Amino acid sequence: MEYLGLIIALIGSAFTIVAAMIAMMLWVRSEANSDRRDIMHLISAIHMEMKDFHVRLCIIEENNKQKEK
């Protein structure tokens, strides 16, 4: 029983380390999900801009064809 304090300290520090690791893993996961959502919004915005650019380009080409006639 003379090492009871040491055993409790070792178990307490092991528990603290494991709890901290789990907390960090959950935090990193939430940050990754947030980043993933941001990237998906950026990709969607780029896709919409590409569609808009294509439509504008088609309108310009149509106007140029009408001017040539």
C-alpha atoms as a PDB file:
ATOM      1  CA  MET A   1       0.000   0.000   0.000  1.00  0.00           C
ATOM      2  CA  GLU A   2       2.965   2.328   0.117  1.00  0.00           C
ATOM      3  CA  TYR A   3       2.752   2.845  -3.657  1.00  0.00           C
ATOM      4  CA  LEU A   4      -0.971   3.672  -3.713  1.00  0.00           C
ATOM      5  CA  GLY A   5      -0.311   7.382  -4.373  1.00  0.00           C
ATOM      6  CA  LEU A   6       2.017   6.526  -7.247  1.00  0.00           C
ATOM      7  CA  ILE A   7      -0.511   4.130  -8.762  1.00  0.00           C
ATOM      8  CA  ILE A   8      -3.291   6.701  -8.497  1.00  0.00           C
ATOM      9  CA  ALA A   9      -1.028   9.341 -10.085  1.00  0.00           C
ATOM     10  CA  LEU A  10      -0.128   7.016 -12.972  1.00  0.00           C
ATOM     11  CA  ILE A  11      -3.753   6.061 -13.596  1.00  0.00           C
ATOM     12  CA  GLY A  12      -4.815   9.702 -13.360  1.00  0.00           C
ATOM     13  CA  SER A  13      -2.180  10.866 -15.824  1.00  0.00           C
ATOM     14  CA  ALA A  14      -2.980   8.047 -18.241  1.00  0.00           C
ATOM     15  CA  PHE A  15      -6.675   8.951 -18.074  1.00  0.00           C
ATOM     16  CA  THR A  16      -5.864  12.640 -18.608  1.00  0.00           C
ATOM     17  CA  ILE A  17      -3.699  11.883 -21.647  1.00  0.00           C
ATOM     18  CA  VAL A  18      -6.361   9.636 -23.185  1.00  0.00           C
ATOM     19  CA  ALA A  19      -9.096  12.216 -22.518  1.00  0.00           C
ATOM     20  CA  ALA A  20      -6.983  14.982 -24.066  1.00  0.00           C
ATOM     21  CA  MET A  21      -6.281  12.871 -27.151  1.00  0.00           C
ATOM     22  CA  ILE A  22      -9.980  12.093 -27.611  1.00  0.00           C
ATOM     23  CA  ALA A  23     -10.863  15.765 -27.206  1.00  0.00           C
ATOM     24  CA  MET A  24      -8.239  16.787 -29.787  1.00  0.00           C
ATOM     25  CA  MET A  25      -9.412  14.112 -32.228  1.00  0.00           C
ATOM     26  CA  LEU A  26     -13.009  15.348 -31.956  1.00  0.00           C
ATOM     27  CA  TRP A  27     -11.898  18.966 -32.385  1.00  0.00           C
ATOM     28  CA  VAL A  28      -9.812  18.135 -35.464  1.00  0.00           C
ATOM     29  CA  ARG A  29     -12.720  16.197 -36.935  1.00  0.00           C
ATOM     30  CA  SER A  30     -15.091  19.136 -36.497  1.00  0.00           C
ATOM     31  CA  GLU A  31     -12.575  21.519 -38.060  1.00  0.00           C
ATOM     32  CA  ALA A  32     -12.095  19.146 -41.007  1.00  0.00           C
ATOM     33  CA  ASN A  33     -15.857  18.996 -41.541  1.00  0.00           C
ATOM     34  CA  SER A  34     -16.028  22.779 -41.474  1.00  0.00           C
ATOM     35  CA  ASP A  35     -13.203  23.027 -44.010  1.00  0.00           C
ATOM     36  CA  ARG A  36     -14.909  20.434 -46.210  1.00  0.00           C
ATOM     37  CA  ARG A  37     -18.140  22.460 -46.198  1.00  0.00           C
ATOM     38  CA  ASP A  38     -16.216  25.628 -47.098  1.00  0.00           C
ATOM     39  CA  ILE A  39     -14.473  23.878 -49.975  1.00  0.00           C
ATOM     40  CA  MET A  40     -17.778  22.510 -51.276  1.00  0.00           C
ATOM     41  CA  HIS A  41     -19.212  26.054 -51.233  1.00  0.00           C
ATOM     42  CA  LEU A  42     -16.176  27.322 -53.141  1.00  0.00           C
ATOM     43  CA  ILE A  43     -16.477  24.549 -55.718  1.00  0.00           C
ATOM     44  CA  SER A  44     -20.172  25.325 -56.133  1.00  0.00           C
ATOM     45  CA  ALA A  45     -19.434  29.019 -56.595  1.00  0.00           C
ATOM     46  CA  ILE A  46     -16.740  28.260 -59.174  1.00  0.00           C
ATOM     47  CA  HIS A  47     -19.115  25.947 -61.010  1.00  0.00           C
ATOM     48  CA  MET A  48     -21.816  28.634 -61.127  1.00  0.00           C
ATOM     49  CA  GLU A  49     -19.283  31.208 -62.343  1.00  0.00           C
ATOM     50  CA  MET A  50     -18.151  28.849 -65.107  1.00  0.00           C
ATOM     51  CA  LYS A  51     -21.774  28.366 -66.216  1.00  0.00           C
ATOM     52  CA  ASP A  52     -22.344  32.122 -66.196  1.00  0.00           C
ATOM     53  CA  PHE A  53     -19.155  32.710 -68.171  1.00  0.00           C
ATOM     54  CA  HIS A  54     -20.179  30.100 -70.728  1.00  0.00           C
ATOM     55  CA  VAL A  55     -23.592  31.731 -71.179  1.00  0.00           C
ATOM     56  CA  ARG A  56     -21.998  35.156 -71.614  1.00  0.00           C
ATOM     57  CA  LEU A  57     -19.514  33.723 -74.107  1.00  0.00           C
ATOM     58  CA  CYS A  58     -22.321  32.124 -76.109  1.00  0.00           C
ATOM     59  CA  ILE A  59     -24.196  35.452 -76.173  1.00  0.00           C
ATOM     60  CA  ILE A  60     -21.069  37.268 -77.413  1.00  0.00           C
ATOM     61  CA  GLU A  61     -20.519  34.666 -80.127  1.00  0.00           C
ATOM     62  CA  GLU A  62     -24.163  34.910 -81.192  1.00  0.00           C
ATOM     63  CA  ASN A  63     -23.892  38.703 -81.371  1.00  0.00           C
ATOM     64  CA  ASN A  64     -20.708  38.418 -83.465  1.00  0.00           C
ATOM     65  CA  LYS A  65     -22.414  36.003 -85.863  1.00  0.00           C
ATOM     66  CA  GLN A  66     -25.354  38.386 -86.276  1.00  0.00           C
ATOM     67  CA  LYS A  67     -22.992  41.304 -86.980  1.00  0.00           C
ATOM     68  CA  GLU A  68     -21.198  39.295 -89.689  1.00  0.00           C
ATOM     69  CA  LYS A  69     -24.463  38.668 -91.586  1.00  0.00           C
END
